[in-house]
């Protein structure tokens, strides 16, 4: 999924850590997203990666001790004015401790001290250095001052030790910075549950009945909601490795599990006394209408079945009906192949199942599942909006824009 940051500008700080090479991958991710990337490096960082490397990646001059100029904007005051956010990745324990004390003895710390917009720090250091009492105190001080930390990982470190201190993955840093750039007041800290994928109904221990739903629309919705600042829970039957790792994911298989986890998540959310914003449920899952009545134990042998296998099916519970009076705003999803009656079938969800809005998608055939893009018509009680065809992430942002109007 490609996040669009075409109108954003990022200041990337690089310090003298062995993981400085990963900052190249991070810069590349921002450039690919359309952002303008500016880099400031300490002298120690240049021992690991050259300024020329970042200039080739970003097509912008890099600010270093030697390149600083007061005849242009390439200086520690003006470069920050060009950017929306400052991320220092990697941040050594030395730099981290300096920042907490307001020490500005190199080009990067001078730039940080002069920067008055969101600052994000992604630490990278040996376990003993990052967990030293002085460093922990500095992290606490910076956090209380509004600095956002992108936590380091526990793994085998470059020094050979195993423990906390490895730089977060560039993709995760990218997601967290994108969230800071794109979050909106309406969605920030709002509890949202998204269901996705096609449920799998067991025939026996090795076979199941399912559908062609890929779960990609739900993944895109969860990602868009995360980027807008929502507290997202994704309940899905499908793979979700490409979405931000901070999204809470609940893996399920059957319609019965989907119903249980959806109701439990809604009840847990709605029971919170500190809840200030009305929760949302985006029911994007393709829940099976029928399930085998009596799944067989073990693997069914074909020699015991014969040439025909008649499987008795029973109707599954309607999840939308089961949750329609819990108190959340609900958006249903309806995929149809019936050109004549598909729209009316989708719109009937508003009255028959008490949903607040419906995302209607007319499919040509089974090959329409799992594609990178989609087309959606957003149906409200008294209005219909054609969101057009776009990537599933771009469509998700449009869906969120229309969804928040339901509460206005």
Protein backbone atom coordinates (compact mmCIF):
# COMPACT_ATOMS: atom_id res chain seq x y z
CA UNK A 1 0.00 0.00 0.00
CA UNK A 2 1.45 3.34 -1.07
CA UNK A 3 1.00 6.22 1.39
CA UNK A 4 0.83 9.65 -0.22
CA UNK A 5 3.01 12.30 1.45
CA UNK A 6 3.42 14.48 -1.65
CA UNK A 7 2.75 17.74 0.21
CA UNK A 8 4.98 16.92 3.19
CA UNK A 9 8.60 17.71 3.99
CA UNK A 10 10.73 15.58 6.31
CA UNK A 11 13.98 16.47 8.07
CA UNK A 12 15.98 13.30 8.69
CA UNK A 13 18.76 13.41 11.26
CA UNK A 14 21.47 10.74 11.19
CA UNK A 15 23.91 10.13 14.05
CA UNK A 16 26.99 7.92 14.43
CA UNK A 17 25.46 4.48 14.86
CA UNK A 18 26.28 1.33 12.91
CA UNK A 19 22.61 1.31 11.89
CA UNK A 20 23.05 4.61 10.03
CA UNK A 21 22.83 2.66 6.77
CA UNK A 22 19.17 1.94 7.56
CA UNK A 23 18.48 5.68 7.34
CA UNK A 24 19.07 5.28 3.59
CA UNK A 25 16.13 2.87 3.41
CA UNK A 26 14.04 5.30 5.45
CA UNK A 27 14.89 8.21 3.15
CA UNK A 28 13.96 6.04 0.17
CA UNK A 29 10.55 5.22 1.68
CA UNK A 30 9.75 8.92 2.10
CA UNK A 31 10.91 9.80 -1.39
CA UNK A 32 8.78 6.98 -2.80
CA UNK A 33 5.78 8.40 -0.89
CA UNK A 34 6.33 11.74 -2.63
CA UNK A 35 7.76 13.66 0.34
CA UNK A 36 10.59 16.16 0.15
CA UNK A 37 13.45 14.83 2.30
CA UNK A 38 16.24 16.91 3.82
CA UNK A 39 19.10 15.34 5.78
CA UNK A 40 21.36 16.59 8.56
CA UNK A 41 24.30 14.42 9.66
CA UNK A 42 26.77 14.47 12.50
CA UNK A 43 30.46 14.05 11.74
CA UNK A 44 30.30 10.60 13.37
CA UNK A 45 27.46 9.57 11.03
CA UNK A 46 29.63 10.40 8.02
CA UNK A 47 32.03 7.69 9.15
CA UNK A 48 29.33 5.13 8.34
CA UNK A 49 27.44 6.67 5.39
CA UNK A 50 28.54 9.51 3.13
CA UNK A 51 26.53 12.68 2.64
CA UNK A 52 26.74 12.00 -1.10
CA UNK A 53 24.64 8.85 -0.62
CA UNK A 54 21.78 10.84 0.89
CA UNK A 55 22.09 13.56 -1.73
CA UNK A 56 21.72 10.91 -4.45
CA UNK A 57 18.65 9.46 -2.70
CA UNK A 58 16.89 12.73 -1.86
CA UNK A 59 18.15 15.11 -4.57
CA UNK A 60 18.69 17.68 -1.80
CA UNK A 61 21.94 19.00 -0.36
CA UNK A 62 22.86 17.46 3.00
CA UNK A 63 23.57 19.65 6.01
CA UNK A 64 26.88 18.77 7.70
CA UNK A 65 29.49 20.65 9.71
CA UNK A 66 31.35 21.38 6.49
CA UNK A 67 28.40 22.17 4.20
CA UNK A 68 26.56 24.66 6.44
CA UNK A 69 25.99 27.93 4.59
CA UNK A 70 24.45 31.23 5.61
CA UNK A 71 24.19 32.29 1.98
CA UNK A 72 21.38 29.72 1.52
CA UNK A 73 18.84 27.77 3.59
CA UNK A 74 21.40 25.02 4.24
CA UNK A 75 21.99 25.92 7.87
CA UNK A 76 20.76 24.72 11.24
CA UNK A 77 18.12 27.47 11.52
CA UNK A 78 16.55 27.62 8.06
CA UNK A 79 16.51 23.92 7.19
CA UNK A 80 14.00 23.26 9.98
CA UNK A 81 11.68 25.96 8.66
CA UNK A 82 11.35 23.99 5.42
CA UNK A 83 10.16 20.79 7.12
CA UNK A 84 7.00 19.55 8.82
CA UNK A 85 8.66 17.01 11.10
CA UNK A 86 12.15 16.12 12.34
CA UNK A 87 13.07 12.47 12.86
CA UNK A 88 16.45 11.41 14.16
CA UNK A 89 17.06 7.81 13.09
CA UNK A 90 19.28 6.37 14.34
CA UNK A 91 19.73 8.33 17.57
CA UNK A 92 22.75 7.30 19.62
CA UNK A 93 22.63 7.30 23.43
CA UNK A 94 25.11 10.18 23.33
CA UNK A 95 22.85 12.34 21.14
CA UNK A 96 19.77 11.34 23.13
CA UNK A 97 21.34 12.48 26.40
CA UNK A 98 22.53 15.72 24.81
CA UNK A 99 19.06 16.51 23.51
CA UNK A 100 17.51 16.06 26.95
CA UNK A 101 19.88 18.68 28.37
CA UNK A 102 19.58 21.15 25.49
CA UNK A 103 23.23 20.71 24.55
CA UNK A 104 23.94 21.94 21.01
CA UNK A 105 27.58 21.17 20.30
CA UNK A 106 27.25 19.81 16.76
CA UNK A 107 25.25 20.58 13.63
CA UNK A 108 22.50 18.06 14.41
CA UNK A 109 21.89 19.04 18.03
CA UNK A 110 21.95 22.71 17.00
CA UNK A 111 19.29 21.96 14.39
CA UNK A 112 17.19 20.07 16.95
CA UNK A 113 17.38 22.88 19.49
CA UNK A 114 16.16 25.37 16.88
CA UNK A 115 13.33 23.09 15.64
CA UNK A 116 9.85 23.93 16.99
CA UNK A 117 7.69 21.30 15.25
CA UNK A 118 7.15 17.58 15.98
CA UNK A 119 10.39 15.77 16.88
CA UNK A 120 10.67 11.99 16.74
CA UNK A 121 13.57 9.94 18.06
CA UNK A 122 14.42 6.38 17.04
CA UNK A 123 17.16 5.19 19.43
CA UNK A 124 19.89 2.72 18.49
CA UNK A 125 22.55 1.72 21.01
CA UNK A 126 24.00 -1.14 23.00
CA UNK A 127 21.56 -2.52 25.59
CA UNK A 128 23.60 -1.29 28.56
CA UNK A 129 23.85 2.19 27.05
CA UNK A 130 20.17 2.53 26.23
CA UNK A 131 19.07 1.12 29.58
CA UNK A 132 21.57 3.13 31.63
CA UNK A 133 19.86 5.23 34.31
CA UNK A 134 21.06 8.47 32.72
CA UNK A 135 19.63 7.47 29.33
CA UNK A 136 16.33 6.33 30.84
CA UNK A 137 16.08 9.66 32.67
CA UNK A 138 16.74 11.50 29.40
CA UNK A 139 14.01 9.51 27.63
CA UNK A 140 11.58 10.42 30.41
CA UNK A 141 12.53 14.10 30.19
CA UNK A 142 12.19 14.24 26.42
CA UNK A 143 8.87 12.38 26.49
CA UNK A 144 7.47 14.85 29.03
CA UNK A 145 8.58 17.63 26.66
CA UNK A 146 6.46 16.19 23.86
CA UNK A 147 9.14 14.25 21.97
CA UNK A 148 7.79 11.07 20.37
CA UNK A 149 9.90 7.91 20.72
CA UNK A 150 9.94 5.11 18.19
CA UNK A 151 10.99 2.22 20.38
CA UNK A 152 14.10 0.19 19.65
CA UNK A 153 13.97 -3.59 19.14
CA UNK A 154 15.34 -6.50 21.14
CA UNK A 155 17.52 -8.71 18.92
CA UNK A 156 21.11 -9.62 18.13
CA UNK A 157 23.01 -6.32 18.09
CA UNK A 158 25.95 -5.41 15.87
CA UNK A 159 28.28 -5.65 18.88
CA UNK A 160 27.30 -9.28 19.37
CA UNK A 161 25.12 -8.77 22.44
CA UNK A 162 21.49 -9.86 22.46
CA UNK A 163 19.00 -7.39 23.90
CA UNK A 164 17.17 -4.11 23.52
CA UNK A 165 18.79 -1.40 21.41
CA UNK A 166 18.40 -2.25 17.72
CA UNK A 167 16.90 0.46 15.54
CA UNK A 168 13.22 -0.02 14.72
CA UNK A 169 12.60 -1.28 11.19
CA UNK A 170 12.58 1.54 8.59
CA UNK A 171 9.02 0.61 7.56
CA UNK A 172 7.80 0.97 11.15
CA UNK A 173 9.58 4.32 11.55
CA UNK A 174 8.00 5.43 8.27
CA UNK A 175 4.52 4.45 9.48
CA UNK A 176 4.87 6.27 12.80
CA UNK A 177 6.15 9.45 11.17
CA UNK A 178 3.38 9.28 8.56
CA UNK A 179 0.87 9.06 11.41
CA UNK A 180 2.23 12.26 12.96
CA UNK A 181 1.93 14.00 9.59
CA UNK A 182 -1.57 12.75 8.71
CA UNK A 183 -3.48 12.40 11.99
CA UNK A 184 -6.73 14.38 12.40
CA UNK A 185 -8.51 15.58 15.51
CA UNK A 186 -11.73 13.73 14.68
CA UNK A 187 -10.10 10.30 14.47
CA UNK A 188 -7.29 10.77 16.99
CA UNK A 189 -7.65 8.28 19.88
CA UNK A 190 -11.08 7.18 18.62
CA UNK A 191 -11.70 3.45 19.08
CA UNK A 192 -12.39 1.74 15.75
CA UNK A 193 -12.92 -1.93 14.95
CA UNK A 194 -12.40 -3.24 11.42
CA UNK A 195 -13.30 -6.76 10.29
CA UNK A 196 -11.76 -8.29 7.19
CA UNK A 197 -11.22 -11.35 5.05
CA UNK A 198 -13.47 -14.24 4.15
CA UNK A 199 -14.36 -16.58 6.99
CA UNK A 200 -13.34 -20.24 6.77
CA UNK A 201 -15.96 -22.80 7.78
CA UNK A 202 -14.54 -26.23 8.58
CA UNK A 203 -15.69 -29.34 6.74
CA UNK A 204 -13.14 -31.46 8.58
CA UNK A 205 -9.67 -30.89 10.04
CA UNK A 206 -8.04 -30.24 6.65
CA UNK A 207 -10.85 -28.77 4.48
CA UNK A 208 -13.07 -25.71 4.71
CA UNK A 209 -15.65 -23.65 2.82
CA UNK A 210 -14.70 -20.02 2.16
CA UNK A 211 -14.86 -17.23 -0.44
CA UNK A 212 -12.48 -15.15 -2.56
CA UNK A 213 -12.22 -12.15 -0.22
CA UNK A 214 -8.55 -11.13 0.14
CA UNK A 215 -8.87 -8.91 3.22
CA UNK A 216 -6.92 -6.15 1.43
CA UNK A 217 -9.70 -3.58 1.79
CA UNK A 218 -9.82 -4.16 5.55
CA UNK A 219 -6.03 -3.87 5.77
CA UNK A 220 -6.16 -0.60 3.86
CA UNK A 221 -8.94 0.73 6.10
CA UNK A 222 -7.05 -0.22 9.25
CA UNK A 223 -3.92 1.49 7.90
CA UNK A 224 -5.80 4.67 6.96
CA UNK A 225 -7.44 4.79 10.39
CA UNK A 226 -4.08 4.29 12.12
CA UNK A 227 -2.56 7.12 10.06
CA UNK A 228 -5.46 9.37 11.05
CA UNK A 229 -4.71 8.65 14.71
CA UNK A 230 -7.43 6.15 15.58
CA UNK A 231 -7.03 3.33 18.11
CA UNK A 232 -7.58 0.46 15.67
CA UNK A 233 -8.42 -3.19 16.21
CA UNK A 234 -8.39 -5.39 13.11
CA UNK A 235 -10.28 -8.69 13.32
CA UNK A 236 -9.32 -10.69 10.26
CA UNK A 237 -8.90 -14.09 8.64
CA UNK A 238 -6.15 -12.92 6.29
CA UNK A 239 -2.48 -11.95 6.21
CA UNK A 240 -1.72 -8.46 7.53
CA UNK A 241 2.07 -8.23 7.56
CA UNK A 242 2.17 -5.02 5.51
CA UNK A 243 0.11 -2.90 7.91
CA UNK A 244 1.62 -0.82 10.77
CA UNK A 245 2.70 -3.06 13.64
CA UNK A 246 1.03 -0.83 16.24
CA UNK A 247 -2.40 -1.88 14.97
CA UNK A 248 -3.94 -4.48 17.28
CA UNK A 249 -4.77 -7.58 15.23
CA UNK A 250 -7.01 -10.48 16.22
CA UNK A 251 -6.68 -13.50 13.95
CA UNK A 252 -9.79 -15.62 13.55
CA UNK A 253 -11.14 -18.20 11.10
CA UNK A 254 -14.89 -18.85 11.29
CA UNK A 255 -18.05 -16.75 11.28
CA UNK A 256 -18.66 -17.84 14.87
CA UNK A 257 -15.25 -16.54 15.94
CA UNK A 258 -15.79 -13.33 13.98
CA UNK A 259 -19.05 -12.68 15.80
CA UNK A 260 -17.56 -13.44 19.22
CA UNK A 261 -14.49 -11.25 18.78
CA UNK A 262 -16.45 -8.37 17.23
CA UNK A 263 -18.97 -8.28 20.07
CA UNK A 264 -16.25 -8.68 22.72
CA UNK A 265 -14.19 -5.85 21.22
CA UNK A 266 -17.21 -3.55 20.99
CA UNK A 267 -18.34 -4.33 24.54
CA UNK A 268 -14.83 -3.76 25.90
CA UNK A 269 -14.59 -0.44 24.09
CA UNK A 270 -18.06 0.79 25.02
CA UNK A 271 -17.58 -0.13 28.67
CA UNK A 272 -14.66 2.27 29.08
CA UNK A 273 -15.70 5.12 31.39
CA UNK A 274 -13.09 7.42 29.85
CA UNK A 275 -14.54 7.00 26.35
CA UNK A 276 -14.89 10.52 24.90
CA UNK A 277 -15.59 9.70 21.26
CA UNK A 278 -18.20 7.38 19.76
CA UNK A 279 -16.59 4.18 18.41
CA UNK A 280 -16.85 2.99 14.82
CA UNK A 281 -17.27 -0.49 13.36
CA UNK A 282 -16.25 -1.05 9.74
CA UNK A 283 -17.68 -4.46 8.82
CA UNK A 284 -15.54 -5.19 5.75
CA UNK A 285 -15.32 -8.96 6.28
CA UNK A 286 -16.99 -11.38 3.89
CA UNK A 287 -18.73 -13.57 6.45
CA UNK A 288 -19.99 -16.93 5.23
CA UNK A 289 -23.78 -17.22 5.07
CA UNK A 290 -23.65 -20.97 5.70
CA UNK A 291 -21.39 -23.34 7.60
CA UNK A 292 -21.15 -27.16 7.63
CA UNK A 293 -23.58 -28.40 10.28
CA UNK A 294 -21.38 -31.19 11.64
CA UNK A 295 -17.67 -30.90 10.68
CA UNK A 296 -15.96 -34.27 10.63
CA UNK A 297 -13.15 -35.09 13.03
CA UNK A 298 -9.78 -35.77 11.42
CA UNK A 299 -9.38 -36.03 7.64
CA UNK A 300 -12.33 -37.44 5.72
CA UNK A 301 -11.23 -40.27 3.41
CA UNK A 302 -12.67 -40.18 -0.09
CA UNK A 303 -13.02 -43.96 -0.08
CA UNK A 304 -15.59 -43.60 2.73
CA UNK A 305 -17.55 -40.93 0.86
CA UNK A 306 -18.09 -42.32 -2.59
CA UNK A 307 -18.44 -40.32 -5.79
CA UNK A 308 -20.68 -37.65 -4.25
CA UNK A 309 -20.29 -35.76 -0.98
CA UNK A 310 -23.42 -34.15 0.33
CA UNK A 311 -22.57 -31.72 3.11
CA UNK A 312 -25.43 -30.44 5.24
CA UNK A 313 -25.09 -26.69 5.86
CA UNK A 314 -26.66 -24.43 8.44
CA UNK A 315 -27.09 -20.66 8.33
CA UNK A 316 -24.57 -18.59 10.26
CA UNK A 317 -25.55 -15.77 12.64
CA UNK A 318 -25.98 -12.28 11.20
CA UNK A 319 -23.23 -10.23 12.87
CA UNK A 320 -24.57 -6.85 11.75
CA UNK A 321 -27.92 -7.59 13.37
CA UNK A 322 -26.22 -8.83 16.51
CA UNK A 323 -24.36 -5.55 17.03
CA UNK A 324 -26.87 -3.02 15.71
CA UNK A 325 -27.89 -1.66 19.11
CA UNK A 326 -24.60 -1.66 21.02
CA UNK A 327 -23.99 2.06 20.51
CA UNK A 328 -21.31 2.38 17.82
CA UNK A 329 -21.44 3.94 14.34
CA UNK A 330 -21.50 1.05 11.86
CA UNK A 331 -20.37 1.01 8.25
CA UNK A 332 -21.31 -2.12 6.31
CA UNK A 333 -19.71 -3.42 3.11
CA UNK A 334 -21.63 -5.04 0.30
CA UNK A 335 -20.09 -6.66 -2.79
CA UNK A 336 -22.58 -7.64 -5.49
CA UNK A 337 -22.53 -9.00 -9.04
CA UNK A 338 -26.16 -8.19 -9.81
CA UNK A 339 -26.17 -4.95 -11.84
CA UNK A 340 -29.94 -4.54 -11.59
CA UNK A 341 -30.55 -5.29 -7.92
CA UNK A 342 -27.12 -4.93 -6.30
CA UNK A 343 -27.49 -1.29 -5.30
CA UNK A 344 -30.93 -1.74 -3.74
CA UNK A 345 -29.68 -4.81 -1.87
CA UNK A 346 -26.80 -2.78 -0.46
CA UNK A 347 -29.03 0.14 0.52
CA UNK A 348 -31.43 -2.20 2.31
CA UNK A 349 -28.75 -2.78 4.96
CA UNK A 350 -29.45 0.70 6.34
CA UNK A 351 -33.04 -0.12 7.19
CA UNK A 352 -32.93 -3.88 7.68
CA UNK A 353 -29.77 -4.03 9.78
CA UNK A 354 -29.68 -0.51 11.20
CA UNK A 355 -26.24 0.37 9.80
CA UNK A 356 -25.30 4.03 9.37
CA UNK A 357 -23.62 3.73 5.99
CA UNK A 358 -22.80 1.15 3.32
CA UNK A 359 -19.81 0.81 1.01
CA UNK A 360 -21.19 -0.78 -2.15
CA UNK A 361 -18.95 -2.49 -4.70
CA UNK A 362 -20.26 -3.95 -7.96
CA UNK A 363 -18.00 -6.83 -9.05
CA UNK A 364 -17.65 -8.19 -12.56
CA UNK A 365 -16.55 -11.70 -11.52
CA UNK A 366 -14.32 -13.57 -9.06
CA UNK A 367 -11.15 -12.08 -10.61
CA UNK A 368 -12.14 -8.72 -9.08
CA UNK A 369 -11.15 -10.03 -5.63
CA UNK A 370 -7.65 -9.32 -4.38
CA UNK A 371 -6.88 -6.45 -6.77
CA UNK A 372 -4.85 -3.39 -5.72
CA UNK A 373 -7.68 -0.99 -6.51
CA UNK A 374 -11.44 -0.90 -6.08
CA UNK A 375 -14.53 1.18 -6.77
CA UNK A 376 -16.93 2.19 -4.02
CA UNK A 377 -20.31 3.89 -3.83
CA UNK A 378 -20.88 5.21 -0.31
CA UNK A 379 -24.56 4.94 0.61
CA UNK A 380 -26.15 6.96 3.42
CA UNK A 381 -29.81 7.09 4.42
CA UNK A 382 -30.56 10.16 2.30
CA UNK A 383 -27.50 10.50 0.10
CA UNK A 384 -25.29 8.49 -2.25
CA UNK A 385 -21.67 9.41 -3.06
CA UNK A 386 -19.66 7.78 -5.84
CA UNK A 387 -16.08 7.58 -4.54
CA UNK A 388 -14.83 6.37 -7.92
CA UNK A 389 -12.05 3.88 -8.62
CA UNK A 390 -8.74 4.23 -6.81
CA UNK A 391 -6.21 2.28 -4.80
CA UNK A 392 -7.74 0.66 -1.73
CA UNK A 393 -5.75 2.94 0.59
CA UNK A 394 -6.86 6.09 -1.25
CA UNK A 395 -10.45 4.83 -1.20
CA UNK A 396 -10.13 4.19 2.53
CA UNK A 397 -9.29 7.85 3.16
CA UNK A 398 -12.36 8.85 1.13
CA UNK A 399 -14.51 6.40 3.12
CA UNK A 400 -13.27 7.93 6.39
CA UNK A 401 -14.07 11.41 5.13
CA UNK A 402 -17.66 10.41 4.40
CA UNK A 403 -17.98 8.31 7.56
CA UNK A 404 -17.17 11.17 9.93
CA UNK A 405 -19.97 13.21 8.36
CA UNK A 406 -22.46 10.67 9.73
CA UNK A 407 -21.93 12.08 13.22
CA UNK A 408 -22.20 15.73 12.20
